[in-house]
Amino acid sequence: MEGVENPVVRRKVAVPTILTFHELHLMIQAAMGWENQHYYLFMDKPYSQYFLFVSPGVEELGADATKIPAGTILYSYWTQSKSKGEERDKLYY
């Protein structure tokens, strides 16, 4: 979790590749003990306009996360970045 340094907060979960970004969001909520009370978005970097998957109800901001397969997108994203010699090991939520 960005901005939280003491104590360090981490969770490790196994994520099936068939999940949508919305289902990934629900897994994160459960793993952190959160109550799913806010809109969410996934992006490759802060303020990204190209890699942006959003919660239902705010689709005008990005692609509907209920319809996007996270595993396929993330695999492609990281595979392409490695072939270009870039390291992309973060996903902002």
PDB file of N, CA and C in Angstrom:
ATOM      1  N   MET A   1       0.847  -1.171   0.000  1.00  0.00           N
ATOM      2  CA  MET A   1       0.000   0.000   0.000  1.00  0.00           C
ATOM      3  C   MET A   1       0.892   1.233   0.000  1.00  0.00           C
ATOM      4  N   GLU A   2       0.719   2.045  -0.989  1.00  0.00           N
ATOM      5  CA  GLU A   2       1.514   3.258  -1.101  1.00  0.00           C
ATOM      6  C   GLU A   2       1.170   4.217   0.027  1.00  0.00           C
ATOM      7  N   GLY A   3       2.192   4.805   0.632  1.00  0.00           N
ATOM      8  CA  GLY A   3       1.987   5.775   1.691  1.00  0.00           C
ATOM      9  C   GLY A   3       1.921   5.171   3.081  1.00  0.00           C
ATOM     10  N   VAL A   4       1.854   3.856   3.172  1.00  0.00           N
ATOM     11  CA  VAL A   4       1.835   3.186   4.468  1.00  0.00           C
ATOM     12  C   VAL A   4       3.182   2.518   4.665  1.00  0.00           C
ATOM     13  N   GLU A   5       3.950   3.035   5.612  1.00  0.00           N
ATOM     14  CA  GLU A   5       5.298   2.526   5.785  1.00  0.00           C
ATOM     15  C   GLU A   5       5.515   1.807   7.109  1.00  0.00           C
ATOM     16  N   ASN A   6       4.755   2.153   8.125  1.00  0.00           N
ATOM     17  CA  ASN A   6       4.973   1.552   9.413  1.00  0.00           C
ATOM     18  C   ASN A   6       3.633   1.281  10.077  1.00  0.00           C
ATOM     19  N   PRO A   7       3.170   0.087  10.151  1.00  0.00           N
ATOM     20  CA  PRO A   7       3.829  -1.134   9.702  1.00  0.00           C
ATOM     21  C   PRO A   7       3.606  -1.345   8.208  1.00  0.00           C
ATOM     22  N   VAL A   8       4.478  -2.132   7.581  1.00  0.00           N
ATOM     23  CA  VAL A   8       4.330  -2.491   6.176  1.00  0.00           C
ATOM     24  C   VAL A   8       3.081  -3.357   6.048  1.00  0.00           C
ATOM     25  N   VAL A   9       2.261  -3.077   5.031  1.00  0.00           N
ATOM     26  CA  VAL A   9       1.026  -3.831   4.814  1.00  0.00           C
ATOM     27  C   VAL A   9       1.171  -4.620   3.526  1.00  0.00           C
ATOM     28  N   ARG A  10       1.029  -5.952   3.631  1.00  0.00           N
ATOM     29  CA  ARG A  10       1.140  -6.810   2.448  1.00  0.00           C
ATOM     30  C   ARG A  10       0.135  -7.941   2.545  1.00  0.00           C
ATOM     31  N   ARG A  11      -0.316  -8.381   1.396  1.00  0.00           N
ATOM     32  CA  ARG A  11      -1.134  -9.574   1.287  1.00  0.00           C
ATOM     33  C   ARG A  11      -0.651 -10.319   0.053  1.00  0.00           C
ATOM     34  N   LYS A  12      -0.673 -11.626   0.115  1.00  0.00           N
ATOM     35  CA  LYS A  12      -0.306 -12.439  -1.035  1.00  0.00           C
ATOM     36  C   LYS A  12      -1.480 -13.349  -1.332  1.00  0.00           C
ATOM     37  N   VAL A  13      -2.001 -13.261  -2.555  1.00  0.00           N
ATOM     38  CA  VAL A  13      -3.139 -14.081  -2.949  1.00  0.00           C
ATOM     39  C   VAL A  13      -2.854 -14.708  -4.304  1.00  0.00           C
ATOM     40  N   ALA A  14      -3.395 -15.874  -4.526  1.00  0.00           N
ATOM     41  CA  ALA A  14      -3.313 -16.531  -5.837  1.00  0.00           C
ATOM     42  C   ALA A  14      -4.529 -16.086  -6.635  1.00  0.00           C
ATOM     43  N   VAL A  15      -4.294 -15.572  -7.824  1.00  0.00           N
ATOM     44  CA  VAL A  15      -5.372 -15.012  -8.634  1.00  0.00           C
ATOM     45  C   VAL A  15      -5.528 -15.811  -9.928  1.00  0.00           C
ATOM     46  N   PRO A  16      -6.679 -16.427 -10.136  1.00  0.00           N
ATOM     47  CA  PRO A  16      -6.904 -17.140 -11.392  1.00  0.00           C
ATOM     48  C   PRO A  16      -6.863 -16.186 -12.581  1.00  0.00           C
ATOM     49  N   THR A  17      -6.327 -16.633 -13.690  1.00  0.00           N
ATOM     50  CA  THR A  17      -6.191 -15.759 -14.867  1.00  0.00           C
ATOM     51  C   THR A  17      -7.521 -15.464 -15.549  1.00  0.00           C
ATOM     52  N   ILE A  18      -8.583 -16.158 -15.194  1.00  0.00           N
ATOM     53  CA  ILE A  18      -9.869 -15.940 -15.856  1.00  0.00           C
ATOM     54  C   ILE A  18     -10.685 -14.815 -15.223  1.00  0.00           C
ATOM     55  N   LEU A  19     -10.183 -14.227 -14.140  1.00  0.00           N
ATOM     56  CA  LEU A  19     -10.924 -13.163 -13.468  1.00  0.00           C
ATOM     57  C   LEU A  19     -11.007 -11.898 -14.300  1.00  0.00           C
ATOM     58  N   THR A  20     -12.107 -11.177 -14.135  1.00  0.00           N
ATOM     59  CA  THR A  20     -12.197  -9.830 -14.691  1.00  0.00           C
ATOM     60  C   THR A  20     -11.536  -8.876 -13.695  1.00  0.00           C
ATOM     61  N   PHE A  21     -11.305  -7.643 -14.117  1.00  0.00           N
ATOM     62  CA  PHE A  21     -10.758  -6.659 -13.182  1.00  0.00           C
ATOM     63  C   PHE A  21     -11.725  -6.419 -12.019  1.00  0.00           C
ATOM     64  N   HIS A  22     -13.021  -6.525 -12.271  1.00  0.00           N
ATOM     65  CA  HIS A  22     -13.994  -6.364 -11.186  1.00  0.00           C
ATOM     66  C   HIS A  22     -13.838  -7.488 -10.156  1.00  0.00           C
ATOM     67  N   GLU A  23     -13.681  -8.717 -10.618  1.00  0.00           N
ATOM     68  CA  GLU A  23     -13.487  -9.832  -9.695  1.00  0.00           C
ATOM     69  C   GLU A  23     -12.156  -9.702  -8.951  1.00  0.00           C
ATOM     70  N   LEU A  24     -11.126  -9.197  -9.624  1.00  0.00           N
ATOM     71  CA  LEU A  24      -9.851  -8.930  -8.965  1.00  0.00           C
ATOM     72  C   LEU A  24     -10.046  -7.894  -7.854  1.00  0.00           C
ATOM     73  N   HIS A  25     -10.820  -6.866  -8.146  1.00  0.00           N
ATOM     74  CA  HIS A  25     -11.160  -5.850  -7.136  1.00  0.00           C
ATOM     75  C   HIS A  25     -11.810  -6.497  -5.914  1.00  0.00           C
ATOM     76  N   LEU A  26     -12.761  -7.400  -6.145  1.00  0.00           N
ATOM     77  CA  LEU A  26     -13.441  -8.057  -5.035  1.00  0.00           C
ATOM     78  C   LEU A  26     -12.476  -8.914  -4.218  1.00  0.00           C
ATOM     79  N   MET A  27     -11.515  -9.559  -4.884  1.00  0.00           N
ATOM     80  CA  MET A  27     -10.504 -10.340  -4.160  1.00  0.00           C
ATOM     81  C   MET A  27      -9.631  -9.438  -3.293  1.00  0.00           C
ATOM     82  N   ILE A  28      -9.247  -8.301  -3.829  1.00  0.00           N
ATOM     83  CA  ILE A  28      -8.428  -7.352  -3.061  1.00  0.00           C
ATOM     84  C   ILE A  28      -9.208  -6.864  -1.845  1.00  0.00           C
ATOM     85  N   GLN A  29     -10.471  -6.534  -2.058  1.00  0.00           N
ATOM     86  CA  GLN A  29     -11.312  -6.081  -0.949  1.00  0.00           C
ATOM     87  C   GLN A  29     -11.375  -7.136   0.156  1.00  0.00           C
ATOM     88  N   ALA A  30     -11.578  -8.384  -0.219  1.00  0.00           N
ATOM     89  CA  ALA A  30     -11.666  -9.466   0.759  1.00  0.00           C
ATOM     90  C   ALA A  30     -10.322  -9.685   1.463  1.00  0.00           C
ATOM     91  N   ALA A  31      -9.231  -9.677   0.703  1.00  0.00           N
ATOM     92  CA  ALA A  31      -7.902  -9.913   1.281  1.00  0.00           C
ATOM     93  C   ALA A  31      -7.515  -8.825   2.278  1.00  0.00           C
ATOM     94  N   MET A  32      -7.947  -7.609   2.032  1.00  0.00           N
ATOM     95  CA  MET A  32      -7.596  -6.498   2.917  1.00  0.00           C
ATOM     96  C   MET A  32      -8.603  -6.308   4.046  1.00  0.00           C
ATOM     97  N   GLY A  33      -9.731  -7.008   3.980  1.00  0.00           N
ATOM     98  CA  GLY A  33     -10.757  -6.839   5.007  1.00  0.00           C
ATOM     99  C   GLY A  33     -11.567  -5.573   4.814  1.00  0.00           C
ATOM    100  N   TRP A  34     -11.564  -5.062   3.590  1.00  0.00           N
ATOM    101  CA  TRP A  34     -12.313  -3.842   3.302  1.00  0.00           C
ATOM    102  C   TRP A  34     -13.759  -4.176   2.962  1.00  0.00           C
ATOM    103  N   GLU A  35     -14.619  -3.160   2.902  1.00  0.00           N
ATOM    104  CA  GLU A  35     -16.055  -3.389   2.768  1.00  0.00           C
ATOM    105  C   GLU A  35     -16.653  -2.994   1.421  1.00  0.00           C
ATOM    106  N   ASN A  36     -15.828  -2.773   0.403  1.00  0.00           N
ATOM    107  CA  ASN A  36     -16.312  -2.519  -0.954  1.00  0.00           C
ATOM    108  C   ASN A  36     -17.287  -1.341  -1.001  1.00  0.00           C
ATOM    109  N   GLN A  37     -16.895  -0.200  -0.438  1.00  0.00           N
ATOM    110  CA  GLN A  37     -17.791   0.944  -0.345  1.00  0.00           C
ATOM    111  C   GLN A  37     -17.429   2.100  -1.272  1.00  0.00           C
ATOM    112  N   HIS A  38     -16.436   1.931  -2.129  1.00  0.00           N
ATOM    113  CA  HIS A  38     -16.007   3.042  -2.982  1.00  0.00           C
ATOM    114  C   HIS A  38     -15.833   2.583  -4.426  1.00  0.00           C
ATOM    115  N   TYR A  39     -15.902   3.550  -5.343  1.00  0.00           N
ATOM    116  CA  TYR A  39     -15.537   3.250  -6.726  1.00  0.00           C
ATOM    117  C   TYR A  39     -14.057   2.882  -6.752  1.00  0.00           C
ATOM    118  N   TYR A  40     -13.641   2.211  -7.790  1.00  0.00           N
ATOM    119  CA  TYR A  40     -12.240   1.813  -7.906  1.00  0.00           C
ATOM    120  C   TYR A  40     -11.782   1.951  -9.349  1.00  0.00           C
ATOM    121  N   LEU A  41     -10.487   1.892  -9.536  1.00  0.00           N
ATOM    122  CA  LEU A  41      -9.914   1.827 -10.878  1.00  0.00           C
ATOM    123  C   LEU A  41      -8.566   1.160 -10.806  1.00  0.00           C
ATOM    124  N   PHE A  42      -8.176   0.565 -11.914  1.00  0.00           N
ATOM    125  CA  PHE A  42      -6.849  -0.030 -12.078  1.00  0.00           C
ATOM    126  C   PHE A  42      -6.160   0.753 -13.182  1.00  0.00           C
ATOM    127  N   MET A  43      -4.878   1.047 -12.984  1.00  0.00           N
ATOM    128  CA  MET A  43      -4.120   1.727 -14.031  1.00  0.00           C
ATOM    129  C   MET A  43      -2.650   1.336 -13.943  1.00  0.00           C
ATOM    130  N   ASP A  44      -1.935   1.536 -15.044  1.00  0.00           N
ATOM    131  CA  ASP A  44      -0.529   1.139 -15.089  1.00  0.00           C
ATOM    132  C   ASP A  44       0.382   2.145 -14.404  1.00  0.00           C
ATOM    133  N   LYS A  45      -0.036   3.393 -14.339  1.00  0.00           N
ATOM    134  CA  LYS A  45       0.733   4.435 -13.663  1.00  0.00           C
ATOM    135  C   LYS A  45      -0.239   5.526 -13.223  1.00  0.00           C
ATOM    136  N   PRO A  46       0.142   6.334 -12.244  1.00  0.00           N
ATOM    137  CA  PRO A  46      -0.765   7.394 -11.804  1.00  0.00           C
ATOM    138  C   PRO A  46      -1.195   8.291 -12.968  1.00  0.00           C
ATOM    139  N   TYR A  47      -2.443   8.580 -13.018  1.00  0.00           N
ATOM    140  CA  TYR A  47      -3.038   9.467 -14.024  1.00  0.00           C
ATOM    141  C   TYR A  47      -2.955   8.924 -15.447  1.00  0.00           C
ATOM    142  N   SER A  48      -2.880   7.615 -15.594  1.00  0.00           N
ATOM    143  CA  SER A  48      -2.844   6.991 -16.914  1.00  0.00           C
ATOM    144  C   SER A  48      -4.161   7.255 -17.644  1.00  0.00           C
ATOM    145  N   GLN A  49      -4.059   7.451 -18.941  1.00  0.00           N
ATOM    146  CA  GLN A  49      -5.258   7.625 -19.759  1.00  0.00           C
ATOM    147  C   GLN A  49      -5.445   6.443 -20.709  1.00  0.00           C
ATOM    148  N   TYR A  50      -4.507   5.502 -20.715  1.00  0.00           N
ATOM    149  CA  TYR A  50      -4.534   4.425 -21.695  1.00  0.00           C
ATOM    150  C   TYR A  50      -4.824   3.061 -21.077  1.00  0.00           C
ATOM    151  N   PHE A  51      -4.382   2.832 -19.878  1.00  0.00           N
ATOM    152  CA  PHE A  51      -4.581   1.574 -19.174  1.00  0.00           C
ATOM    153  C   PHE A  51      -5.444   1.923 -17.975  1.00  0.00           C
ATOM    154  N   LEU A  52      -6.749   1.947 -18.167  1.00  0.00           N
ATOM    155  CA  LEU A  52      -7.649   2.410 -17.121  1.00  0.00           C
ATOM    156  C   LEU A  52      -8.927   1.580 -17.134  1.00  0.00           C
ATOM    157  N   PHE A  53      -9.102   0.776 -16.091  1.00  0.00           N
ATOM    158  CA  PHE A  53     -10.284  -0.068 -15.950  1.00  0.00           C
ATOM    159  C   PHE A  53     -10.998   0.368 -14.687  1.00  0.00           C
ATOM    160  N   VAL A  54     -12.293   0.645 -14.804  1.00  0.00           N
ATOM    161  CA  VAL A  54     -13.021   1.309 -13.720  1.00  0.00           C
ATOM    162  C   VAL A  54     -14.231   0.508 -13.251  1.00  0.00           C
ATOM    163  N   SER A  55     -14.686   0.850 -12.047  1.00  0.00           N
ATOM    164  CA  SER A  55     -15.850   0.184 -11.462  1.00  0.00           C
ATOM    165  C   SER A  55     -17.121   0.564 -12.215  1.00  0.00           C
ATOM    166  N   PRO A  56     -18.140  -0.297 -12.127  1.00  0.00           N
ATOM    167  CA  PRO A  56     -19.422   0.012 -12.746  1.00  0.00           C
ATOM    168  C   PRO A  56     -19.958   1.348 -12.226  1.00  0.00           C
ATOM    169  N   GLY A  57     -20.516   2.122 -13.121  1.00  0.00           N
ATOM    170  CA  GLY A  57     -21.091   3.406 -12.737  1.00  0.00           C
ATOM    171  C   GLY A  57     -20.232   4.591 -13.127  1.00  0.00           C
ATOM    172  N   VAL A  58     -18.972   4.354 -13.463  1.00  0.00           N
ATOM    173  CA  VAL A  58     -18.098   5.457 -13.871  1.00  0.00           C
ATOM    174  C   VAL A  58     -17.366   5.104 -15.182  1.00  0.00           C
ATOM    175  N   GLU A  59     -18.066   4.394 -16.074  1.00  0.00           N
ATOM    176  CA  GLU A  59     -17.456   3.932 -17.317  1.00  0.00           C
ATOM    177  C   GLU A  59     -16.991   5.065 -18.227  1.00  0.00           C
ATOM    178  N   GLU A  60     -17.500   6.276 -18.004  1.00  0.00           N
ATOM    179  CA  GLU A  60     -17.047   7.400 -18.838  1.00  0.00           C
ATOM    180  C   GLU A  60     -15.575   7.721 -18.584  1.00  0.00           C
ATOM    181  N   LEU A  61     -15.016   7.207 -17.486  1.00  0.00           N
ATOM    182  CA  LEU A  61     -13.607   7.453 -17.148  1.00  0.00           C
ATOM    183  C   LEU A  61     -12.664   6.420 -17.745  1.00  0.00           C
ATOM    184  N   GLY A  62     -13.185   5.238 -18.093  1.00  0.00           N
ATOM    185  CA  GLY A  62     -12.329   4.177 -18.617  1.00  0.00           C
ATOM    186  C   GLY A  62     -13.154   2.973 -19.011  1.00  0.00           C
ATOM    187  N   ALA A  63     -12.483   1.854 -19.261  1.00  0.00           N
ATOM    188  CA  ALA A  63     -13.165   0.625 -19.671  1.00  0.00           C
ATOM    189  C   ALA A  63     -13.847  -0.026 -18.471  1.00  0.00           C
ATOM    190  N   ASP A  64     -15.017  -0.595 -18.710  1.00  0.00           N
ATOM    191  CA  ASP A  64     -15.809  -1.249 -17.670  1.00  0.00           C
ATOM    192  C   ASP A  64     -15.079  -2.486 -17.152  1.00  0.00           C
ATOM    193  N   ALA A  65     -14.694  -2.468 -15.888  1.00  0.00           N
ATOM    194  CA  ALA A  65     -13.910  -3.551 -15.287  1.00  0.00           C
ATOM    195  C   ALA A  65     -14.665  -4.867 -15.196  1.00  0.00           C
ATOM    196  N   THR A  66     -15.991  -4.836 -15.313  1.00  0.00           N
ATOM    197  CA  THR A  66     -16.753  -6.087 -15.234  1.00  0.00           C
ATOM    198  C   THR A  66     -16.631  -6.887 -16.524  1.00  0.00           C
ATOM    199  N   LYS A  67     -16.123  -6.267 -17.581  1.00  0.00           N
ATOM    200  CA  LYS A  67     -16.071  -6.921 -18.887  1.00  0.00           C
ATOM    201  C   LYS A  67     -14.658  -7.195 -19.386  1.00  0.00           C
ATOM    202  N   ILE A  68     -13.654  -6.823 -18.622  1.00  0.00           N
ATOM    203  CA  ILE A  68     -12.271  -6.943 -19.076  1.00  0.00           C
ATOM    204  C   ILE A  68     -11.568  -8.081 -18.333  1.00  0.00           C
ATOM    205  N   PRO A  69     -11.066  -9.095 -19.070  1.00  0.00           N
ATOM    206  CA  PRO A  69     -10.351 -10.197 -18.411  1.00  0.00           C
ATOM    207  C   PRO A  69      -8.972  -9.744 -17.929  1.00  0.00           C
ATOM    208  N   ALA A  70      -8.794  -9.676 -16.632  1.00  0.00           N
ATOM    209  CA  ALA A  70      -7.548  -9.158 -16.061  1.00  0.00           C
ATOM    210  C   ALA A  70      -6.337  -9.989 -16.465  1.00  0.00           C
ATOM    211  N   GLY A  71      -6.447 -11.313 -16.405  1.00  0.00           N
ATOM    212  CA  GLY A  71      -5.301 -12.169 -16.714  1.00  0.00           C
ATOM    213  C   GLY A  71      -4.770 -11.958 -18.110  1.00  0.00           C
ATOM    214  N   THR A  72      -5.648 -11.892 -19.076  1.00  0.00           N
ATOM    215  CA  THR A  72      -5.240 -11.701 -20.469  1.00  0.00           C
ATOM    216  C   THR A  72      -4.565 -10.354 -20.664  1.00  0.00           C
ATOM    217  N   ILE A  73      -5.155  -9.315 -20.123  1.00  0.00           N
ATOM    218  CA  ILE A  73      -4.604  -7.966 -20.265  1.00  0.00           C
ATOM    219  C   ILE A  73      -3.257  -7.853 -19.561  1.00  0.00           C
ATOM    220  N   LEU A  74      -3.182  -8.324 -18.328  1.00  0.00           N
ATOM    221  CA  LEU A  74      -1.939  -8.202 -17.573  1.00  0.00           C
ATOM    222  C   LEU A  74      -0.817  -9.024 -18.183  1.00  0.00           C
ATOM    223  N   TYR A  75      -1.122 -10.229 -18.649  1.00  0.00           N
ATOM    224  CA  TYR A  75      -0.094 -11.052 -19.283  1.00  0.00           C
ATOM    225  C   TYR A  75       0.452 -10.346 -20.522  1.00  0.00           C
ATOM    226  N   SER A  76      -0.423  -9.828 -21.337  1.00  0.00           N
ATOM    227  CA  SER A  76      -0.013  -9.103 -22.539  1.00  0.00           C
ATOM    228  C   SER A  76       0.795  -7.857 -22.183  1.00  0.00           C
ATOM    229  N   TYR A  77       0.336  -7.123 -21.201  1.00  0.00           N
ATOM    230  CA  TYR A  77       0.994  -5.890 -20.759  1.00  0.00           C
ATOM    231  C   TYR A  77       2.424  -6.160 -20.308  1.00  0.00           C
ATOM    232  N   TRP A  78       2.595  -7.164 -19.432  1.00  0.00           N
ATOM    233  CA  TRP A  78       3.936  -7.440 -18.918  1.00  0.00           C
ATOM    234  C   TRP A  78       4.821  -8.107 -19.966  1.00  0.00           C
ATOM    235  N   THR A  79       4.241  -8.946 -20.826  1.00  0.00           N
ATOM    236  CA  THR A  79       5.028  -9.585 -21.877  1.00  0.00           C
ATOM    237  C   THR A  79       5.558  -8.552 -22.854  1.00  0.00           C
ATOM    238  N   GLN A  80       4.715  -7.625 -23.283  1.00  0.00           N
ATOM    239  CA  GLN A  80       5.139  -6.572 -24.205  1.00  0.00           C
ATOM    240  C   GLN A  80       6.183  -5.666 -23.582  1.00  0.00           C
ATOM    241  N   SER A  81       6.040  -5.353 -22.313  1.00  0.00           N
ATOM    242  CA  SER A  81       7.001  -4.462 -21.665  1.00  0.00           C
ATOM    243  C   SER A  81       8.366  -5.128 -21.555  1.00  0.00           C
ATOM    244  N   LYS A  82       8.407  -6.417 -21.267  1.00  0.00           N
ATOM    245  CA  LYS A  82       9.689  -7.119 -21.168  1.00  0.00           C
ATOM    246  C   LYS A  82      10.364  -7.212 -22.530  1.00  0.00           C
ATOM    247  N   SER A  83       9.588  -7.385 -23.600  1.00  0.00           N
ATOM    248  CA  SER A  83      10.188  -7.459 -24.931  1.00  0.00           C
ATOM    249  C   SER A  83      10.787  -6.116 -25.343  1.00  0.00           C
ATOM    250  N   LYS A  84      10.320  -5.037 -24.745  1.00  0.00           N
ATOM    251  CA  LYS A  84      10.858  -3.702 -25.015  1.00  0.00           C
ATOM    252  C   LYS A  84      11.971  -3.333 -24.045  1.00  0.00           C
ATOM    253  N   GLY A  85      12.299  -4.251 -23.125  1.00  0.00           N
ATOM    254  CA  GLY A  85      13.342  -3.981 -22.148  1.00  0.00           C
ATOM    255  C   GLY A  85      12.876  -3.131 -20.983  1.00  0.00           C
ATOM    256  N   GLU A  86      11.562  -2.988 -20.814  1.00  0.00           N
ATOM    257  CA  GLU A  86      11.015  -2.203 -19.710  1.00  0.00           C
ATOM    258  C   GLU A  86      10.580  -3.144 -18.592  1.00  0.00           C
ATOM    259  N   GLU A  87      10.658  -2.679 -17.391  1.00  0.00           N
ATOM    260  CA  GLU A  87      10.163  -3.459 -16.264  1.00  0.00           C
ATOM    261  C   GLU A  87       8.891  -2.803 -15.748  1.00  0.00           C
ATOM    262  N   ARG A  88       7.813  -3.503 -15.885  1.00  0.00           N
ATOM    263  CA  ARG A  88       6.540  -3.014 -15.360  1.00  0.00           C
ATOM    264  C   ARG A  88       6.063  -4.006 -14.326  1.00  0.00           C
ATOM    265  N   ASP A  89       6.334  -3.709 -13.096  1.00  0.00           N
ATOM    266  CA  ASP A  89       5.973  -4.644 -12.044  1.00  0.00           C
ATOM    267  C   ASP A  89       4.949  -4.076 -11.076  1.00  0.00           C
ATOM    268  N   LYS A  90       4.299  -2.970 -11.471  1.00  0.00           N
ATOM    269  CA  LYS A  90       3.300  -2.361 -10.598  1.00  0.00           C
ATOM    270  C   LYS A  90       1.989  -2.196 -11.345  1.00  0.00           C
ATOM    271  N   LEU A  91       0.944  -2.277 -10.583  1.00  0.00           N
ATOM    272  CA  LEU A  91      -0.392  -1.985 -11.082  1.00  0.00           C
ATOM    273  C   LEU A  91      -1.040  -1.148  -9.994  1.00  0.00           C
ATOM    274  N   TYR A  92      -1.517   0.018 -10.330  1.00  0.00           N
ATOM    275  CA  TYR A  92      -2.137   0.908  -9.349  1.00  0.00           C
ATOM    276  C   TYR A  92      -3.615   0.595  -9.235  1.00  0.00           C
ATOM    277  N   TYR A  93      -4.103   0.565  -7.994  1.00  0.00           N
ATOM    278  CA  TYR A  93      -5.484   0.226  -7.685  1.00  0.00           C
ATOM    279  C   TYR A  93      -6.070   1.325  -6.833  1.00  0.00           C
TER     280      TYR A  93
END
